[in-house]
Amino acid sequence: MAYFDAASTEPLHPQAREALIAALDVGWADPARLYGSARRARMLLEQARTEVAEALGARPDEVSFTSSGTQAVHLGVLGTLHGRRRTGRRLVTSAVEHSSVLHAAGIHERDGGSVETVGVDITGAVDPGAFGEAVRAEGTALACLQSANHEVGTLQPVAEAAAACAEAGVPLLVDAAQTAGRMPLPPGWSVLAASAHKWGGPAGVGVLVVRKGTRWRTPLPEDDRERRRVPGFENVPAIVAAAAALRATVAESALESARLSALVDRVRAEVPRLVPDVEVIGDPVVRAPHIVTFSCLYVEGEALLTELDKAGFSVSSGSSCTASTLRPSHVLEAMGVLTHGNVRVSLPRGTSAMDIDRFLALLPDTVRRIREEAGVKL
């Protein structure tokens, strides 16, 4: 099986596995207590915090661990809005943010706030000028912009957006789930959210970073854990493993990201050459190194995913609909591109050129058979 769904979750890094097993034996105690085993757990927790802070370009006391990247986003968005309530009730986001941002924005609207959504071009990128104009509007309390889109891989102009936010005195929250550990983070953000299982750590660990000087107030009942930002008992072994995976991924990123990017370039070039009526989506250059997305006309994405799975390839689809909503991807809709027959290939660490060769050899006939079964002949 060739696993091509790293944008959903990266396989556990070997160094994370080793760190997790070791920490299960010595990091199980309550790090808030004073006895010996608790002090050892506290030391492991704080060492992990220091390592994560260094990798993300932050101070250790700015870093809190959450139960997921989604919780980090929710706390980041709602906590910053709550902390800046006297400034205004206006939130600015892009049209292609992750659903966790959009759901937090929905809560904000239901609580009486307002949301301005900035559109994107056909590559999935926001216009820095339009984003800057939006954040300069009176009463803006927070702006949100992802570092890279989770469905098509396009990098957002975070540095330009951050400069506009700084000029307007508005904090910028960056959802860095797809780039943390893989690429250097752009400067200028005030709040950052990330997820350990995206960089090869275990699931169940998110990271929330709130810069010193950023007004933030918990939207939840307060708890003494994690600098009163995140309630609940810390999962110290998982956090230690997350830090080990991030440290290893950062160390490998320069070579591995370049290697994966070359494989993605090959997919981007070969798929439209081999398969008729295919649209390759997202910016071909200004993108995350591991993600490529394409849509096949006259093909249902779910049918294509099923056939590829049978053939030994794990991929995902940005156009997947659920029985309850029957709604295609909001990202692809906002971009104005084909929303059906969509396939996202996202390459994990260690993907080989041979894996890509097999995928490109199999894809044309798979698409042809699905189209023929649907009565389409090209």
Protein backbone atom coordinates (compact mmCIF):
# COMPACT_ATOMS: atom_id res chain seq x y z
CA MET A 1 0.00 0.00 0.00
CA ALA A 2 1.32 3.45 -0.95
CA TYR A 3 0.07 5.99 1.57
CA PHE A 4 -0.56 9.37 -0.12
CA ASP A 5 -2.64 11.18 2.53
CA ALA A 6 -0.05 12.98 4.65
CA ALA A 7 -2.08 16.21 4.62
CA SER A 8 -4.64 14.35 6.75
CA THR A 9 -2.08 12.66 8.98
CA GLU A 10 1.61 11.82 8.63
CA PRO A 11 2.70 8.32 9.69
CA LEU A 12 4.31 8.26 13.12
CA HIS A 13 7.97 9.24 12.88
CA PRO A 14 10.35 6.53 14.21
CA GLN A 15 11.86 9.01 16.67
CA ALA A 16 8.38 9.82 17.95
CA ARG A 17 7.70 6.14 18.51
CA GLU A 18 10.91 5.73 20.52
CA ALA A 19 10.23 8.86 22.58
CA LEU A 20 6.63 7.80 23.26
CA ILE A 21 7.60 4.35 24.52
CA ALA A 22 10.28 5.78 26.80
CA ALA A 23 8.01 8.53 28.14
CA LEU A 24 5.22 6.07 28.95
CA ASP A 25 7.51 4.61 31.62
CA VAL A 26 8.77 7.86 33.16
CA GLY A 27 6.26 10.57 32.21
CA TRP A 28 2.97 9.14 33.42
CA ALA A 29 2.65 11.09 36.70
CA ASP A 30 0.81 14.37 37.27
CA PRO A 31 3.25 17.14 36.31
CA ALA A 32 1.48 19.56 38.65
CA ARG A 33 2.48 17.62 41.80
CA LEU A 34 5.68 17.87 43.83
CA TYR A 35 6.85 14.29 44.39
CA GLY A 36 9.66 12.69 42.42
CA SER A 37 7.75 11.01 39.60
CA ALA A 38 5.68 14.17 39.11
CA ARG A 39 8.81 16.31 38.92
CA ARG A 40 10.20 13.99 36.25
CA ALA A 41 6.99 14.35 34.25
CA ARG A 42 7.19 18.15 34.65
CA MET A 43 10.78 18.16 33.39
CA LEU A 44 9.78 16.13 30.34
CA LEU A 45 6.84 18.43 29.65
CA GLU A 46 8.90 21.61 29.90
CA GLN A 47 11.72 20.19 27.81
CA ALA A 48 9.19 19.31 25.11
CA ARG A 49 7.74 22.82 25.35
CA THR A 50 11.19 24.35 24.88
CA GLU A 51 11.91 22.15 21.85
CA VAL A 52 8.57 22.98 20.19
CA ALA A 53 9.01 26.69 20.92
CA GLU A 54 12.47 26.67 19.33
CA ALA A 55 11.19 24.90 16.22
CA LEU A 56 8.31 27.38 15.82
CA GLY A 57 10.32 30.49 16.59
CA ALA A 58 8.55 31.25 19.86
CA ARG A 59 9.29 31.53 23.58
CA PRO A 60 8.50 28.51 25.76
CA ASP A 61 6.08 30.53 27.89
CA GLU A 62 4.11 31.39 24.73
CA VAL A 63 3.48 27.70 23.93
CA SER A 64 0.56 25.65 25.25
CA PHE A 65 -0.37 22.08 24.36
CA THR A 66 -3.95 21.24 23.42
CA SER A 67 -5.78 18.01 22.67
CA SER A 68 -5.76 18.63 18.89
CA GLY A 69 -5.01 21.17 16.20
CA THR A 70 -8.73 21.86 15.99
CA GLN A 71 -8.88 22.74 19.68
CA ALA A 72 -5.83 24.97 19.22
CA VAL A 73 -7.62 26.86 16.45
CA HIS A 74 -10.85 27.18 18.44
CA LEU A 75 -9.03 28.47 21.51
CA GLY A 76 -6.85 30.75 19.42
CA VAL A 77 -9.74 32.33 17.51
CA LEU A 78 -12.30 32.58 20.30
CA GLY A 79 -9.75 33.43 23.02
CA THR A 80 -8.26 36.31 21.02
CA LEU A 81 -11.68 37.64 20.09
CA HIS A 82 -12.71 37.43 23.75
CA GLY A 83 -9.55 39.19 24.89
CA ARG A 84 -10.06 42.01 22.38
CA ARG A 85 -13.79 42.39 22.86
CA ARG A 86 -13.45 46.08 23.77
CA THR A 87 -11.58 46.77 20.52
CA GLY A 88 -14.33 45.42 18.31
CA ARG A 89 -16.33 42.37 17.29
CA ARG A 90 -15.12 42.02 13.71
CA LEU A 91 -13.26 38.92 12.44
CA VAL A 92 -11.52 38.69 9.06
CA THR A 93 -10.81 35.29 7.44
CA SER A 94 -10.05 33.94 4.01
CA ALA A 95 -12.65 31.92 2.12
CA VAL A 96 -10.47 28.81 2.13
CA GLU A 97 -9.62 28.45 5.83
CA HIS A 98 -9.89 25.07 7.51
CA SER A 99 -13.34 24.17 8.82
CA SER A 100 -12.11 24.64 12.40
CA VAL A 101 -11.63 28.36 11.70
CA LEU A 102 -14.96 28.63 9.91
CA HIS A 103 -16.82 26.89 12.74
CA ALA A 104 -15.21 29.19 15.32
CA ALA A 105 -16.24 32.13 13.12
CA GLY A 106 -19.79 30.79 13.14
CA ILE A 107 -19.82 30.73 16.94
CA HIS A 108 -18.54 34.32 16.92
CA GLU A 109 -21.37 35.39 14.60
CA ARG A 110 -23.99 33.66 16.74
CA ASP A 111 -22.57 35.56 19.72
CA GLY A 112 -23.23 38.88 17.98
CA GLY A 113 -19.91 39.39 16.18
CA SER A 114 -19.37 39.91 12.48
CA VAL A 115 -17.17 38.06 9.98
CA GLU A 116 -15.72 39.36 6.72
CA THR A 117 -14.56 36.66 4.34
CA VAL A 118 -11.86 37.61 1.83
CA GLY A 119 -12.07 35.73 -1.45
CA VAL A 120 -9.26 33.96 -3.28
CA ASP A 121 -8.03 33.71 -6.86
CA ILE A 122 -8.11 30.57 -8.99
CA THR A 123 -4.90 29.29 -7.33
CA GLY A 124 -6.48 29.56 -3.87
CA ALA A 125 -4.46 32.55 -2.64
CA VAL A 126 -5.90 35.71 -1.12
CA ASP A 127 -4.92 39.08 -2.54
CA PRO A 128 -2.73 40.85 0.05
CA GLY A 129 -4.24 44.21 -0.84
CA ALA A 130 -7.79 42.99 -0.32
CA PHE A 131 -6.83 41.28 2.93
CA GLY A 132 -5.09 44.43 4.16
CA GLU A 133 -8.10 46.56 3.31
CA ALA A 134 -10.33 44.18 5.26
CA VAL A 135 -8.20 44.27 8.41
CA ARG A 136 -7.98 48.06 8.36
CA ALA A 137 -11.74 48.40 8.77
CA GLU A 138 -12.84 49.86 12.09
CA GLY A 139 -13.60 47.40 14.86
CA THR A 140 -11.47 44.53 13.53
CA ALA A 141 -10.37 42.40 16.47
CA LEU A 142 -8.65 39.49 14.72
CA ALA A 143 -7.58 38.24 11.30
CA CYS A 144 -7.02 34.58 10.37
CA LEU A 145 -4.94 33.25 7.49
CA GLN A 146 -3.62 29.73 7.01
CA SER A 147 0.02 29.23 6.03
CA ALA A 148 -0.89 26.76 3.27
CA ASN A 149 -4.20 25.43 2.08
CA HIS A 150 -4.97 21.94 3.31
CA GLU A 151 -6.73 20.83 0.13
CA VAL A 152 -4.63 22.28 -2.71
CA GLY A 153 -1.35 23.21 -1.02
CA THR A 154 -1.21 26.87 -2.12
CA LEU A 155 0.86 29.06 0.22
CA GLN A 156 -0.86 32.18 1.49
CA PRO A 157 0.87 35.62 1.60
CA VAL A 158 1.22 35.48 5.37
CA ALA A 159 4.15 37.89 5.63
CA GLU A 160 2.27 40.58 3.66
CA ALA A 161 -0.90 39.96 5.65
CA ALA A 162 1.04 40.18 8.90
CA ALA A 163 2.56 43.52 7.87
CA ALA A 164 -0.91 44.90 7.11
CA CYS A 165 -2.21 43.58 10.44
CA ALA A 166 0.70 45.14 12.33
CA GLU A 167 0.04 48.49 10.67
CA ALA A 168 -3.63 48.27 11.65
CA GLY A 169 -2.90 47.02 15.19
CA VAL A 170 -4.76 43.77 14.55
CA PRO A 171 -3.37 40.38 15.66
CA LEU A 172 -3.01 37.70 12.99
CA LEU A 173 -3.79 34.05 13.74
CA VAL A 174 -2.00 31.60 11.46
CA ASP A 175 -3.18 28.01 11.09
CA ALA A 176 0.18 26.38 10.30
CA ALA A 177 -1.03 22.78 10.31
CA GLN A 178 0.25 21.98 6.80
CA THR A 179 3.65 23.68 7.06
CA ALA A 180 4.85 23.49 10.68
CA GLY A 181 8.03 21.40 10.64
CA ARG A 182 8.08 21.22 6.85
CA MET A 183 8.81 24.86 5.99
CA PRO A 184 10.03 27.97 7.81
CA LEU A 185 7.11 29.92 9.25
CA PRO A 186 6.57 33.44 7.90
CA PRO A 187 7.18 36.21 10.46
CA GLY A 188 4.72 38.61 12.02
CA TRP A 189 1.97 36.39 13.40
CA SER A 190 0.47 36.92 16.86
CA VAL A 191 -1.27 33.57 17.40
CA LEU A 192 -0.39 30.23 15.82
CA ALA A 193 -2.07 26.83 15.79
CA ALA A 194 -0.55 23.52 14.69
CA SER A 195 -1.17 19.79 15.00
CA ALA A 196 1.43 17.18 15.89
CA HIS A 197 0.06 14.34 13.77
CA LYS A 198 0.63 16.47 10.64
CA TRP A 199 4.43 16.37 11.22
CA GLY A 200 4.71 12.73 12.34
CA GLY A 201 3.81 13.07 16.00
CA PRO A 202 0.96 11.18 17.66
CA ALA A 203 -2.65 12.23 17.25
CA GLY A 204 -4.16 14.05 20.20
CA VAL A 205 -1.55 16.80 20.55
CA GLY A 206 -2.10 20.31 19.25
CA VAL A 207 -0.03 23.44 19.77
CA LEU A 208 -1.35 26.91 20.56
CA VAL A 209 1.16 29.77 20.57
CA VAL A 210 0.10 33.20 21.84
CA ARG A 211 2.73 35.90 21.50
CA LYS A 212 3.55 38.07 24.47
CA GLY A 213 1.55 41.28 24.24
CA THR A 214 -1.40 39.69 22.47
CA ARG A 215 -4.60 40.11 24.44
CA TRP A 216 -6.10 36.67 24.95
CA ARG A 217 -8.71 35.42 27.39
CA THR A 218 -9.96 31.88 27.64
CA PRO A 219 -13.45 31.30 26.24
CA LEU A 220 -13.76 28.24 28.52
CA PRO A 221 -13.96 27.82 32.29
CA GLU A 222 -10.47 28.49 33.62
CA ASP A 223 -8.14 25.69 34.70
CA ASP A 224 -4.70 25.85 36.28
CA ARG A 225 -3.15 23.74 33.50
CA GLU A 226 -1.15 25.08 30.57
CA ARG A 227 -0.92 28.69 31.77
CA ARG A 228 -4.71 28.78 32.19
CA ARG A 229 -5.16 28.49 28.43
CA VAL A 230 -6.08 24.82 28.05
CA PRO A 231 -8.08 22.83 30.58
CA GLY A 232 -7.36 19.23 31.46
CA PHE A 233 -4.53 16.85 32.30
CA GLU A 234 -1.56 17.04 29.92
CA ASN A 235 -0.71 13.89 27.97
CA VAL A 236 3.00 14.12 28.74
CA PRO A 237 4.17 11.00 26.83
CA ALA A 238 2.34 12.09 23.67
CA ILE A 239 3.66 15.65 24.00
CA VAL A 240 7.21 14.35 24.38
CA ALA A 241 6.75 12.23 21.25
CA ALA A 242 5.31 15.22 19.38
CA ALA A 243 8.37 17.30 20.25
CA ALA A 244 10.71 14.50 19.14
CA ALA A 245 8.90 14.20 15.80
CA LEU A 246 8.99 17.96 15.24
CA ARG A 247 12.69 18.13 16.04
CA ALA A 248 13.41 15.28 13.61
CA THR A 249 11.15 16.66 10.88
CA VAL A 250 12.75 20.10 11.04
CA ALA A 251 16.21 18.53 10.81
CA GLU A 252 15.15 16.55 7.72
CA SER A 253 12.99 19.24 6.12
CA ALA A 254 15.46 20.91 3.76
CA LEU A 255 16.38 17.71 1.93
CA GLU A 256 13.07 15.87 2.29
CA SER A 257 10.88 18.81 1.28
CA ALA A 258 12.96 19.37 -1.86
CA ARG A 259 12.74 15.67 -2.73
CA LEU A 260 8.98 15.51 -2.21
CA SER A 261 8.48 18.76 -4.11
CA ALA A 262 10.24 17.25 -7.13
CA LEU A 263 7.89 14.25 -6.99
CA VAL A 264 4.89 16.59 -6.77
CA ASP A 265 6.21 18.50 -9.80
CA ARG A 266 6.28 15.23 -11.69
CA VAL A 267 2.67 14.44 -10.78
CA ARG A 268 1.58 17.95 -11.75
CA ALA A 269 3.23 17.59 -15.17
CA GLU A 270 2.36 13.98 -15.97
CA VAL A 271 -1.28 13.64 -14.85
CA PRO A 272 -2.72 16.11 -17.42
CA ARG A 273 -0.48 14.58 -20.11
CA LEU A 274 -1.64 11.03 -19.37
CA VAL A 275 -5.32 11.61 -18.54
CA PRO A 276 -7.69 13.62 -20.77
CA ASP A 277 -9.85 16.39 -19.29
CA VAL A 278 -7.95 16.88 -16.05
CA GLU A 279 -7.52 20.14 -14.18
CA VAL A 280 -4.50 20.41 -11.87
CA ILE A 281 -5.43 22.77 -9.04
CA GLY A 282 -3.47 25.17 -6.88
CA ASP A 283 -0.38 27.30 -7.41
CA PRO A 284 2.28 25.30 -9.29
CA VAL A 285 5.19 27.08 -7.57
CA VAL A 286 4.06 28.91 -4.42
CA ARG A 287 2.89 25.79 -2.60
CA ALA A 288 3.54 23.35 0.17
CA PRO A 289 6.11 20.76 -0.95
CA HIS A 290 4.00 17.65 -0.43
CA ILE A 291 0.51 18.38 -1.81
CA VAL A 292 -0.87 18.13 -5.34
CA THR A 293 -4.56 18.16 -6.24
CA PHE A 294 -6.29 17.48 -9.55
CA SER A 295 -9.87 17.03 -10.74
CA CYS A 296 -11.03 14.63 -13.44
CA LEU A 297 -14.04 15.64 -15.50
CA TYR A 298 -16.86 13.05 -15.75
CA VAL A 299 -15.57 11.16 -12.69
CA GLU A 300 -16.98 11.00 -9.18
CA GLY A 301 -14.19 11.58 -6.70
CA GLU A 302 -15.42 8.92 -4.33
CA ALA A 303 -15.48 6.29 -7.09
CA LEU A 304 -11.94 7.14 -8.09
CA LEU A 305 -10.73 7.00 -4.49
CA THR A 306 -12.32 3.58 -4.05
CA GLU A 307 -10.66 2.17 -7.16
CA LEU A 308 -7.28 3.61 -6.22
CA ASP A 309 -7.63 2.10 -2.76
CA LYS A 310 -8.28 -1.31 -4.31
CA ALA A 311 -5.11 -0.84 -6.35
CA GLY A 312 -3.05 -0.02 -3.25
CA PHE A 313 -3.06 3.79 -3.09
CA SER A 314 -4.43 5.77 -0.16
CA VAL A 315 -5.49 9.21 -1.39
CA SER A 316 -8.21 11.65 -0.39
CA SER A 317 -10.69 13.92 -2.11
CA GLY A 318 -11.41 17.55 -1.45
CA SER A 319 -14.81 17.15 -3.05
CA SER A 320 -16.12 14.48 -0.72
CA CYS A 321 -19.74 15.07 0.21
CA THR A 322 -21.47 13.69 3.26
CA ALA A 323 -24.93 12.22 3.23
CA SER A 324 -26.12 14.93 5.58
CA THR A 325 -24.90 18.00 3.64
CA LEU A 326 -24.36 16.82 0.05
CA ARG A 327 -22.09 19.86 -0.25
CA PRO A 328 -18.79 19.87 -2.14
CA SER A 329 -15.56 21.38 -0.85
CA HIS A 330 -15.86 25.03 0.17
CA VAL A 331 -12.22 25.48 -0.85
CA LEU A 332 -12.74 24.35 -4.44
CA GLU A 333 -15.96 26.36 -4.69
CA ALA A 334 -14.19 29.51 -3.49
CA MET A 335 -11.44 28.97 -6.07
CA GLY A 336 -13.98 28.53 -8.87
CA VAL A 337 -12.51 25.22 -10.03
CA LEU A 338 -13.94 21.80 -10.79
CA THR A 339 -15.34 20.31 -7.57
CA HIS A 340 -16.02 16.73 -8.66
CA GLY A 341 -13.63 13.96 -9.55
CA ASN A 342 -11.17 15.58 -7.18
CA VAL A 343 -8.07 13.77 -5.87
CA ARG A 344 -5.58 15.13 -3.33
CA VAL A 345 -2.22 13.38 -3.30
CA SER A 346 -0.14 14.37 -0.27
CA LEU A 347 3.20 12.67 0.13
CA PRO A 348 4.60 11.57 3.50
CA ARG A 349 8.24 11.37 4.46
CA GLY A 350 9.98 8.58 2.58
CA THR A 351 7.72 8.43 -0.48
CA SER A 352 9.78 6.93 -3.30
CA ALA A 353 9.99 7.72 -7.00
CA MET A 354 8.87 4.12 -7.59
CA ASP A 355 5.63 4.82 -5.69
CA ILE A 356 4.96 7.74 -8.02
CA ASP A 357 5.83 5.64 -11.09
CA ARG A 358 3.26 3.02 -10.09
CA PHE A 359 0.62 5.68 -9.41
CA LEU A 360 1.11 7.37 -12.78
CA ALA A 361 1.06 4.02 -14.57
CA LEU A 362 -2.21 2.96 -12.95
CA LEU A 363 -4.17 6.24 -12.95
CA PRO A 364 -5.04 6.60 -16.68
CA ASP A 365 -6.67 3.19 -17.01
CA THR A 366 -8.50 3.63 -13.69
CA VAL A 367 -10.03 6.94 -14.80
CA ARG A 368 -10.89 5.50 -18.24
CA ARG A 369 -12.75 2.53 -16.73
CA ILE A 370 -14.77 4.73 -14.36
CA ARG A 371 -15.75 7.03 -17.22
CA GLU A 372 -16.74 4.08 -19.43
CA GLU A 373 -18.88 2.63 -16.65
CA ALA A 374 -20.60 6.01 -16.44
CA GLY A 375 -21.20 5.99 -20.20
CA VAL A 376 -18.51 8.55 -21.05
CA LYS A 377 -16.01 7.85 -23.84
CA LEU A 378 -13.25 10.33 -24.69
